[in-house]
C-alpha cells in the first residue's frame, strides 16, 4: 500500500460522514489490548507527529528516507487522512512503531451504484515490533471504526497478499500488467477517428479527474481518486522526481470534445535506438473510440519496441485490437481488496443477472457480519431479508465473509469458489449466474 492522499475534492462523499470518520477516536478494544503490552495507540494529529508518521511509513514500504520537501508535500496533501500510530514509550525516539491510515471513499458496485467505504492504507509495523499482534490491533480497529460510523465495507490495496484474509478482506478486483512487443503486435482495431494531440502535463492534470469520474461510475471496483493523487500522477507536485519525463496526450472526438487522455514515459534503449520502452502510467477513455485511438497512438510510436502498462482490467478490449495476440505478455495479480461489513446493505446496493433467490449463510470470525439472509432478485434488483435460523426457502450458499467479499464485485464466480472448496452451495450452476457481471471489476490505481 502507498501513502493515501486527501478526500478534499471528492464530490460524492457526505462531508459530515467524512469529518466524523476523521474525528473518531481510536478503537478502545485495540487500544486496551496494546496497553497491556506497554504500547500506546492514538490518533496522529499535530504536524510534528504527522511528519514522523510519514517517514515511518516510507521506511515500512522500503522507500528511502524522504527529504524535508517531500515530507511537507505529503503532509500538505494528507490533512484529510485519519492517521493512527502505535507508540512504544521505551523506544529511543518519539516516532511510531506501527501505523495505519484511512478515509471515506466511494466504491462503484455492479450496476453503477456506489457505496461508502473505509479506504485503508499505510499499514506498517516496524521489524523491531513484529509478532506482537500490532497489525491485528490496527486492522480490527479500522474495521470497528467503520462499524461505529455505519460504513458498510472497507477496502485496500496490499503489498503482501497473505495478511488480510484473516480480517475478512478478499481480492475482489484483479489487475493485469501488459508487456507488448510493438513490432509484432500490429493493429486490427477500429480505423482512425477524432484526433490525438500532445498537451502539457498541467492540462492533463486539469482534465483527467472529470474523465475518471465518468469512467468510474460504470466500472465496478473503481474508487474516487483523491485530489493529491492527480498531482503525483502528472508530476505537478513541487517535489516530483524527473517530471519532464512524463508525456501527456488527449483525444478529441469530431465535435471537439475531449473524451480521453493518457500519460506515458519513454526510456531509450542505447543498444538499439529503435527498441525504446514506453511505460503507460494512465489511460482514461470515456468512449470506445477514445480507447482505440489512444492505444493505437501508443502502439505506433516511432523508435519504440516495447510497451508496459499496469493496473489494467483482466478483460481489456485491446486484446482483440492487436493483430497478433502473442505479442502481449499478460500477468494477472490481486489488486483491490474488499471487506463487506453490512451484508444486507452491500447486497442491495448492486444489481444482479436476471431473477432468482438464494439464502446466504455467512460466517465471520470477527463477529461483525455473521448472519443468515435471504436474497431475492427480480429483474436484476435484489432485496434482502434476515431469516435467522428459519428453514431455507431457496438454495443455500454457505460461505465466510472473505468469500462473500470476493464474489461481491463479480471478479470470481460462485462456481469457481465452490470448485476450490472455499464455499458450499446446493447448486452452484443455479446460484452462480445471479452474481455474473458483463465486465470484470477493476481498479486503475494504487492507494
Protein backbone atom coordinates (compact mmCIF):
# COMPACT_ATOMS: atom_id res chain seq x y z
CA UNK A 1 0.00 0.00 0.00
CA UNK A 2 1.14 3.52 -0.75
CA UNK A 3 0.53 6.69 1.19
CA UNK A 4 -3.08 7.78 0.73
CA UNK A 5 -4.00 11.33 -0.17
CA UNK A 6 -6.88 13.51 0.98
CA UNK A 7 -10.56 13.27 0.26
CA UNK A 8 -10.67 17.03 -0.20
CA UNK A 9 -12.01 17.38 -3.74
CA UNK A 10 -14.13 14.25 -3.85
CA UNK A 11 -17.64 15.30 -4.80
CA UNK A 12 -19.99 12.44 -3.93
CA UNK A 13 -19.00 11.69 -0.35
CA UNK A 14 -21.08 13.07 2.51
CA UNK A 15 -18.77 15.68 4.06
CA UNK A 16 -20.25 15.24 7.54
CA UNK A 17 -19.66 11.48 7.44
CA UNK A 18 -16.09 12.04 6.26
CA UNK A 19 -15.48 14.57 9.03
CA UNK A 20 -16.96 12.22 11.63
CA UNK A 21 -14.66 9.44 10.44
CA UNK A 22 -11.61 11.68 10.77
CA UNK A 23 -12.57 12.82 14.26
CA UNK A 24 -13.46 9.38 15.66
CA UNK A 25 -11.07 8.30 18.41
CA UNK A 26 -9.14 5.07 18.17
CA UNK A 27 -10.97 1.86 18.91
CA UNK A 28 -10.96 1.23 22.69
CA UNK A 29 -10.71 -2.57 22.36
CA UNK A 30 -7.49 -2.42 20.33
CA UNK A 31 -6.11 0.40 22.46
CA UNK A 32 -6.58 -1.60 25.68
CA UNK A 33 -5.09 -4.71 24.07
CA UNK A 34 -1.92 -2.80 23.20
CA UNK A 35 -1.77 -1.03 26.55
CA UNK A 36 -1.45 -4.46 28.16
CA UNK A 37 1.88 -4.72 26.28
CA UNK A 38 3.05 -1.27 27.36
CA UNK A 39 2.22 0.27 23.97
CA UNK A 40 0.16 3.36 23.25
CA UNK A 41 -2.33 3.69 20.38
CA UNK A 42 -3.56 7.15 19.41
CA UNK A 43 -4.60 9.39 16.56
CA UNK A 44 -1.79 11.36 14.95
CA UNK A 45 -2.89 14.99 14.78
CA UNK A 46 -0.13 17.55 15.20
CA UNK A 47 2.30 18.46 12.41
CA UNK A 48 5.47 17.10 14.01
CA UNK A 49 3.86 13.73 14.72
CA UNK A 50 2.46 13.61 11.16
CA UNK A 51 5.92 14.19 9.72
CA UNK A 52 7.37 11.37 11.81
CA UNK A 53 4.44 9.16 10.75
CA UNK A 54 5.18 9.84 7.05
CA UNK A 55 8.84 8.89 7.46
CA UNK A 56 7.92 5.67 9.29
CA UNK A 57 5.51 4.65 6.51
CA UNK A 58 8.20 5.33 3.88
CA UNK A 59 10.60 3.10 5.80
CA UNK A 60 7.94 0.44 6.22
CA UNK A 61 7.47 0.21 2.45
CA UNK A 62 11.23 0.13 1.83
CA UNK A 63 11.41 3.65 0.40
CA UNK A 64 14.40 5.91 1.07
CA UNK A 65 14.21 8.49 3.84
CA UNK A 66 12.19 11.40 2.49
CA UNK A 67 13.54 14.90 2.13
CA UNK A 68 12.04 17.75 4.12
CA UNK A 69 10.28 18.96 0.97
CA UNK A 70 8.81 15.53 0.27
CA UNK A 71 7.53 15.28 3.82
CA UNK A 72 5.96 18.75 3.61
CA UNK A 73 4.27 18.00 0.31
CA UNK A 74 2.96 14.66 1.53
CA UNK A 75 1.66 16.23 4.74
CA UNK A 76 0.01 19.08 2.82
CA UNK A 77 -1.90 16.57 0.73
CA UNK A 78 -2.75 14.32 3.66
CA UNK A 79 -4.63 16.59 6.04
CA UNK A 80 -7.86 14.72 5.39
CA UNK A 81 -6.46 11.32 6.32
CA UNK A 82 -7.22 9.75 9.68
CA UNK A 83 -3.83 8.60 10.95
CA UNK A 84 -3.35 6.05 13.73
CA UNK A 85 0.01 5.45 15.36
CA UNK A 86 1.25 2.89 17.86
CA UNK A 87 3.99 4.18 20.17
CA UNK A 88 6.49 2.47 22.44
CA UNK A 89 7.45 4.69 25.40
CA UNK A 90 10.66 2.66 25.79
CA UNK A 91 11.83 3.41 22.22
CA UNK A 92 14.71 5.90 21.81
CA UNK A 93 12.63 8.17 19.51
CA UNK A 94 9.09 9.52 19.55
CA UNK A 95 8.27 8.07 16.13
CA UNK A 96 5.51 5.44 15.94
CA UNK A 97 6.43 1.78 15.74
CA UNK A 98 3.30 0.97 13.71
CA UNK A 99 0.91 2.94 11.52
CA UNK A 100 -2.38 2.86 9.66
CA UNK A 101 -4.46 5.43 7.81
CA UNK A 102 -7.99 5.57 6.46
CA UNK A 103 -10.51 7.88 4.87
CA UNK A 104 -14.03 7.57 3.48
CA UNK A 105 -14.35 7.00 -0.24
CA UNK A 106 -16.92 5.55 -2.64
CA UNK A 107 -16.74 2.11 -4.22
CA UNK A 108 -18.55 1.56 -7.52
CA UNK A 109 -20.53 -1.69 -7.44
CA UNK A 110 -22.08 -3.76 -10.26
CA UNK A 111 -24.87 -1.81 -11.91
CA UNK A 112 -23.23 1.58 -11.39
CA UNK A 113 -24.30 2.19 -7.81
CA UNK A 114 -21.83 3.39 -5.20
CA UNK A 115 -21.29 2.54 -1.56
CA UNK A 116 -19.30 4.49 1.02
CA UNK A 117 -16.33 2.56 2.25
CA UNK A 118 -13.36 2.98 4.54
CA UNK A 119 -10.23 3.08 2.37
CA UNK A 120 -7.38 1.70 4.46
CA UNK A 121 -3.72 2.31 3.72
CA UNK A 122 -0.25 2.86 5.20
CA UNK A 123 -0.44 -0.25 7.42
CA UNK A 124 3.07 -0.89 8.68
CA UNK A 125 4.77 -2.44 11.70
CA UNK A 126 8.44 -1.86 12.47
CA UNK A 127 10.59 -5.02 12.27
CA UNK A 128 11.55 -4.37 15.89
CA UNK A 129 7.95 -4.93 16.99
CA UNK A 130 6.77 -7.87 14.91
CA UNK A 131 4.80 -10.86 16.25
CA UNK A 132 3.08 -8.84 18.96
CA UNK A 133 -0.41 -8.60 17.47
CA UNK A 134 0.02 -4.96 16.49
CA UNK A 135 -1.12 -5.36 12.89
CA UNK A 136 -4.20 -7.23 14.10
CA UNK A 137 -4.98 -4.45 16.55
CA UNK A 138 -4.69 -1.83 13.80
CA UNK A 139 -6.80 -3.69 11.22
CA UNK A 140 -9.51 -4.67 13.67
CA UNK A 141 -9.56 -1.09 14.95
CA UNK A 142 -10.13 0.21 11.43
CA UNK A 143 -13.00 -2.24 10.91
CA UNK A 144 -14.66 -1.45 14.23
CA UNK A 145 -14.33 2.27 13.46
CA UNK A 146 -16.16 1.61 10.19
CA UNK A 147 -18.91 -0.18 12.11
CA UNK A 148 -19.16 2.77 14.50
CA UNK A 149 -19.58 5.10 11.54
CA UNK A 150 -22.22 2.90 9.84
CA UNK A 151 -19.86 2.32 6.91
CA UNK A 152 -20.90 -0.86 5.04
CA UNK A 153 -17.50 -2.02 3.80
CA UNK A 154 -13.76 -1.44 3.80
CA UNK A 155 -11.20 -1.76 1.01
CA UNK A 156 -7.45 -1.63 0.50
CA UNK A 157 -4.64 -2.37 -1.94
CA UNK A 158 -1.88 -4.50 -0.48
CA UNK A 159 1.83 -5.12 -0.76
CA UNK A 160 1.72 -8.50 0.99
CA UNK A 161 -1.26 -10.54 -0.19
CA UNK A 162 -1.43 -13.21 2.53
CA UNK A 163 -2.05 -10.95 5.53
CA UNK A 164 -5.58 -9.68 5.10
CA UNK A 165 -7.82 -12.70 4.63
CA UNK A 166 -7.82 -13.29 8.38
CA UNK A 167 -9.66 -9.96 8.74
CA UNK A 168 -12.24 -10.81 6.09
CA UNK A 169 -10.64 -8.93 3.18
CA UNK A 170 -10.63 -10.71 -0.18
CA UNK A 171 -9.18 -9.92 -3.61
CA UNK A 172 -12.30 -8.66 -5.39
CA UNK A 173 -10.87 -6.89 -8.47
CA UNK A 174 -7.73 -8.20 -10.16
CA UNK A 175 -5.28 -6.12 -12.20
CA UNK A 176 -3.49 -7.08 -15.39
CA UNK A 177 0.01 -5.96 -16.37
CA UNK A 178 0.76 -5.96 -20.10
CA UNK A 179 4.10 -6.08 -21.91
CA UNK A 180 3.57 -5.59 -25.67
CA UNK A 181 6.07 -6.22 -28.45
CA UNK A 182 5.06 -3.33 -30.69
CA UNK A 183 6.96 -4.60 -33.75
CA UNK A 184 4.89 -7.75 -33.66
CA UNK A 185 1.53 -6.54 -32.34
CA UNK A 186 0.07 -4.83 -35.39
CA UNK A 187 -3.39 -3.27 -35.37
CA UNK A 188 -6.77 -4.66 -36.34
CA UNK A 189 -8.95 -2.39 -34.24
CA UNK A 190 -11.20 0.44 -35.44
CA UNK A 191 -10.00 2.93 -38.02
CA UNK A 192 -8.81 6.38 -37.09
CA UNK A 193 -11.30 8.94 -35.81
CA UNK A 194 -11.10 12.23 -33.96
CA UNK A 195 -7.60 13.50 -33.21
CA UNK A 196 -4.79 12.88 -30.73
CA UNK A 197 -2.73 15.85 -29.54
CA UNK A 198 0.11 16.39 -27.11
CA UNK A 199 -0.83 18.55 -24.13
CA UNK A 200 1.12 19.96 -21.17
CA UNK A 201 1.12 17.84 -18.04
CA UNK A 202 -0.69 20.67 -16.27
CA UNK A 203 -3.53 20.39 -18.80
CA UNK A 204 -3.71 16.64 -18.25
CA UNK A 205 -3.95 17.35 -14.51
CA UNK A 206 -6.94 19.63 -15.17
CA UNK A 207 -8.93 17.32 -17.46
CA UNK A 208 -8.16 13.85 -16.05
CA UNK A 209 -10.31 13.98 -12.87
CA UNK A 210 -13.54 14.67 -14.76
CA UNK A 211 -12.75 11.93 -17.28
CA UNK A 212 -12.11 9.45 -14.49
CA UNK A 213 -15.38 10.36 -12.79
CA UNK A 214 -17.28 9.41 -15.95
CA UNK A 215 -15.42 6.14 -16.27
CA UNK A 216 -15.55 5.07 -12.65
CA UNK A 217 -19.33 5.48 -12.40
CA UNK A 218 -19.73 2.47 -14.69
CA UNK A 219 -16.69 0.46 -13.59
CA UNK A 220 -17.27 -1.83 -10.63
CA UNK A 221 -14.28 -1.79 -8.30
CA UNK A 222 -13.20 1.77 -9.02
CA UNK A 223 -12.92 4.45 -6.32
CA UNK A 224 -12.94 8.18 -6.28
CA UNK A 225 -9.35 9.37 -6.72
CA UNK A 226 -8.44 11.94 -4.04
CA UNK A 227 -7.07 15.24 -5.29
CA UNK A 228 -3.46 14.74 -4.26
CA UNK A 229 -3.10 11.61 -6.37
CA UNK A 230 -3.54 13.61 -9.57
CA UNK A 231 -0.51 15.79 -8.84
CA UNK A 232 1.53 12.67 -8.16
CA UNK A 233 0.40 11.08 -11.42
CA UNK A 234 1.08 14.19 -13.51
CA UNK A 235 4.32 15.17 -11.83
CA UNK A 236 2.90 18.55 -10.88
CA UNK A 237 3.91 18.27 -7.22
CA UNK A 238 6.82 20.59 -6.41
CA UNK A 239 8.82 17.60 -5.16
CA UNK A 240 8.16 15.42 -8.23
CA UNK A 241 11.18 13.45 -9.47
CA UNK A 242 12.00 13.92 -13.16
CA UNK A 243 8.57 15.34 -14.01
CA UNK A 244 9.68 16.21 -17.53
CA UNK A 245 9.87 12.53 -18.45
CA UNK A 246 6.08 12.32 -18.43
CA UNK A 247 4.34 12.93 -21.76
CA UNK A 248 0.64 13.73 -21.90
CA UNK A 249 -1.84 13.30 -24.76
CA UNK A 250 -5.56 13.79 -25.20
CA UNK A 251 -8.16 12.59 -27.70
CA UNK A 252 -10.97 14.77 -29.04
CA UNK A 253 -13.97 13.48 -30.97
CA UNK A 254 -15.19 15.05 -34.21
CA UNK A 255 -17.27 17.52 -32.21
CA UNK A 256 -14.12 18.73 -30.43
CA UNK A 257 -14.94 17.19 -27.04
CA UNK A 258 -12.08 15.70 -25.01
CA UNK A 259 -13.09 12.10 -24.29
CA UNK A 260 -9.79 10.53 -23.36
CA UNK A 261 -6.24 11.22 -22.13
CA UNK A 262 -3.07 9.31 -21.33
CA UNK A 263 0.28 9.72 -19.57
CA UNK A 264 3.42 7.86 -20.53
CA UNK A 265 7.21 7.93 -20.23
CA UNK A 266 9.87 6.79 -22.68
CA UNK A 267 13.15 5.07 -21.78
CA UNK A 268 15.69 4.93 -24.59
CA UNK A 269 17.41 1.67 -25.48
CA UNK A 270 21.05 2.63 -26.02
CA UNK A 271 21.82 -0.77 -27.55
CA UNK A 272 19.14 -0.40 -30.22
CA UNK A 273 17.57 3.04 -30.69
CA UNK A 274 14.56 1.51 -32.45
CA UNK A 275 13.60 -0.54 -29.38
CA UNK A 276 12.96 2.06 -26.70
CA UNK A 277 10.46 1.31 -23.94
CA UNK A 278 7.21 3.13 -23.17
CA UNK A 279 5.57 2.91 -19.74
CA UNK A 280 1.90 3.88 -19.74
CA UNK A 281 1.03 5.22 -16.29
CA UNK A 282 -2.54 6.27 -17.05
CA UNK A 283 -5.01 5.83 -19.90
CA UNK A 284 -8.53 7.12 -19.30
CA UNK A 285 -11.08 6.70 -22.09
CA UNK A 286 -14.73 7.67 -21.77
CA UNK A 287 -15.73 6.18 -25.14
CA UNK A 288 -14.62 3.12 -27.15
CA UNK A 289 -13.36 5.46 -29.90
CA UNK A 290 -11.13 7.30 -27.43
CA UNK A 291 -9.83 3.98 -26.06
CA UNK A 292 -8.94 2.69 -29.53
CA UNK A 293 -7.33 5.94 -30.68
CA UNK A 294 -5.11 6.32 -27.61
CA UNK A 295 -3.89 2.72 -27.71
CA UNK A 296 -3.24 2.86 -31.45
CA UNK A 297 -1.20 6.06 -30.98
CA UNK A 298 0.95 4.38 -28.33
CA UNK A 299 1.43 1.15 -30.30
CA UNK A 300 2.56 3.05 -33.37
CA UNK A 301 5.09 5.37 -31.70
CA UNK A 302 8.36 5.56 -33.63
CA UNK A 303 11.53 4.02 -32.17
CA UNK A 304 9.55 2.04 -29.58
CA UNK A 305 9.90 -1.72 -29.26
CA UNK A 306 8.00 -2.44 -26.07
CA UNK A 307 5.07 -1.02 -24.13
CA UNK A 308 4.48 -1.71 -20.43
CA UNK A 309 1.14 -0.92 -18.79
CA UNK A 310 -0.27 -1.91 -15.40
CA UNK A 311 -3.49 -1.74 -13.39
CA UNK A 312 -5.48 -2.76 -16.48
CA UNK A 313 -8.69 -4.78 -16.46
CA UNK A 314 -8.45 -8.53 -16.99
CA UNK A 315 -10.81 -8.26 -19.98
CA UNK A 316 -9.26 -5.34 -21.86
CA UNK A 317 -10.72 -4.83 -25.38
CA UNK A 318 -7.13 -4.18 -26.51
CA UNK A 319 -6.67 -7.97 -26.63
CA UNK A 320 -8.98 -8.02 -29.66
CA UNK A 321 -7.48 -4.91 -31.28
CA UNK A 322 -3.96 -6.17 -31.86
CA UNK A 323 -3.31 -8.36 -34.90
CA UNK A 324 -1.03 -10.82 -33.05
CA UNK A 325 -2.25 -11.60 -29.54
CA UNK A 326 1.02 -13.43 -28.82
CA UNK A 327 2.74 -10.05 -28.95
CA UNK A 328 1.28 -9.35 -25.50
CA UNK A 329 2.50 -10.97 -22.28
CA UNK A 330 -0.16 -10.51 -19.63
CA UNK A 331 0.29 -11.06 -15.89
CA UNK A 332 -2.72 -11.02 -13.58
CA UNK A 333 -2.49 -10.36 -9.85
CA UNK A 334 -4.75 -9.49 -6.94
CA UNK A 335 -5.26 -5.74 -6.55
CA UNK A 336 -8.42 -4.26 -5.00
CA UNK A 337 -9.34 -5.98 -1.74
CA UNK A 338 -12.85 -5.60 -0.30
CA UNK A 339 -14.26 -6.45 3.11
CA UNK A 340 -18.05 -6.39 3.48
CA UNK A 341 -19.28 -5.29 6.91
CA UNK A 342 -23.02 -4.63 6.45
CA UNK A 343 -24.17 -7.60 4.38
CA UNK A 344 -27.77 -6.54 3.61
CA UNK A 345 -26.77 -3.01 2.64
CA UNK A 346 -23.97 -4.23 0.39
CA UNK A 347 -26.12 -6.85 -1.33
CA UNK A 348 -28.95 -4.41 -2.02
CA UNK A 349 -26.59 -1.78 -3.48
CA UNK A 350 -25.56 -3.82 -6.53
CA UNK A 351 -27.54 -5.30 -9.40
CA UNK A 352 -27.72 -8.95 -10.44
CA UNK A 353 -28.38 -11.05 -13.54
CA UNK A 354 -31.99 -11.99 -14.19
CA UNK A 355 -34.19 -13.22 -11.35
CA UNK A 356 -33.77 -15.83 -8.62
CA UNK A 357 -33.07 -16.19 -4.95
CA UNK A 358 -30.58 -17.66 -2.54
CA UNK A 359 -30.09 -17.91 1.22
CA UNK A 360 -26.64 -16.72 2.26
CA UNK A 361 -25.35 -18.34 5.45
CA UNK A 362 -22.36 -16.13 6.32
CA UNK A 363 -19.68 -16.79 8.93
CA UNK A 364 -17.34 -14.05 10.16
CA UNK A 365 -14.58 -14.92 12.64
CA UNK A 366 -14.56 -11.31 13.87
CA UNK A 367 -18.30 -11.41 14.55
CA UNK A 368 -19.02 -8.27 12.54
CA UNK A 369 -21.02 -9.82 9.69
CA UNK A 370 -22.21 -13.25 10.78
CA UNK A 371 -25.81 -13.97 9.83
CA UNK A 372 -28.31 -15.62 7.53
CA UNK A 373 -30.05 -13.64 4.81
CA UNK A 374 -32.47 -14.38 2.00
CA UNK A 375 -31.51 -12.54 -1.20
CA UNK A 376 -34.40 -12.28 -3.67
CA UNK A 377 -33.63 -10.92 -7.15
CA UNK A 378 -36.35 -9.73 -9.53
CA UNK A 379 -35.21 -8.35 -12.89
CA UNK A 380 -31.75 -7.68 -11.53
CA UNK A 381 -32.84 -5.84 -8.36
CA UNK A 382 -32.12 -7.53 -5.04
CA UNK A 383 -33.87 -7.29 -1.70
CA UNK A 384 -32.51 -8.85 1.46
CA UNK A 385 -34.34 -10.28 4.47
CA UNK A 386 -32.74 -11.50 7.70
CA UNK A 387 -34.05 -15.06 8.10
CA UNK A 388 -32.04 -16.11 11.15
CA UNK A 389 -32.40 -19.83 11.85
CA UNK A 390 -35.60 -20.32 9.91
CA UNK A 391 -35.86 -23.04 7.29
CA UNK A 392 -34.33 -22.20 3.92
CA UNK A 393 -36.80 -21.06 1.27
CA UNK A 394 -34.19 -21.15 -1.50
CA UNK A 395 -30.82 -22.74 -2.37
CA UNK A 396 -28.36 -22.20 0.48
CA UNK A 397 -24.93 -20.65 -0.05
CA UNK A 398 -22.68 -21.26 2.97
CA UNK A 399 -19.55 -19.13 2.99
CA UNK A 400 -17.25 -16.94 5.01
CA UNK A 401 -17.25 -13.16 4.82
CA UNK A 402 -13.97 -13.37 2.88
CA UNK A 403 -15.61 -15.44 0.16
CA UNK A 404 -18.69 -13.21 0.03
CA UNK A 405 -16.41 -10.20 -0.36
CA UNK A 406 -14.56 -12.00 -3.19
CA UNK A 407 -17.70 -12.65 -5.26
CA UNK A 408 -19.31 -9.29 -4.48
CA UNK A 409 -17.96 -7.31 -7.46
CA UNK A 410 -18.19 -10.22 -9.89
CA UNK A 411 -14.45 -10.85 -10.03
CA UNK A 412 -14.81 -14.57 -9.31
CA UNK A 413 -17.69 -16.99 -9.84
CA UNK A 414 -19.57 -18.79 -7.07
CA UNK A 415 -18.98 -21.96 -9.09
CA UNK A 416 -15.22 -21.36 -9.12
CA UNK A 417 -15.02 -20.92 -5.35
CA UNK A 418 -17.26 -23.97 -4.88
CA UNK A 419 -14.85 -25.96 -7.04
CA UNK A 420 -11.97 -24.69 -4.93
CA UNK A 421 -13.68 -25.81 -1.74
CA UNK A 422 -13.95 -22.24 -0.46
CA UNK A 423 -17.74 -22.32 -0.07
CA UNK A 424 -20.65 -24.77 -0.09
CA UNK A 425 -23.77 -24.39 -2.22
CA UNK A 426 -26.65 -26.71 -3.05
CA UNK A 427 -26.49 -25.99 -6.79
CA UNK A 428 -23.59 -23.75 -7.95
CA UNK A 429 -24.84 -23.70 -11.55
CA UNK A 430 -28.16 -22.28 -10.33
CA UNK A 431 -26.72 -19.66 -7.96
CA UNK A 432 -23.60 -18.52 -9.85
CA UNK A 433 -25.38 -16.75 -12.74
CA UNK A 434 -27.03 -14.28 -10.34
CA UNK A 435 -23.65 -12.75 -9.48
CA UNK A 436 -22.23 -12.62 -13.00
CA UNK A 437 -21.29 -9.19 -14.38
CA UNK A 438 -20.91 -8.10 -18.03
CA UNK A 439 -17.46 -6.64 -17.35
CA UNK A 440 -14.72 -7.65 -14.97
CA UNK A 441 -14.27 -5.31 -11.99
CA UNK A 442 -11.14 -3.19 -11.98
CA UNK A 443 -9.21 -0.54 -10.06
CA UNK A 444 -6.93 1.69 -12.09
CA UNK A 445 -4.59 2.95 -9.33
CA UNK A 446 -2.93 2.13 -6.00
CA UNK A 447 -3.76 3.82 -2.70
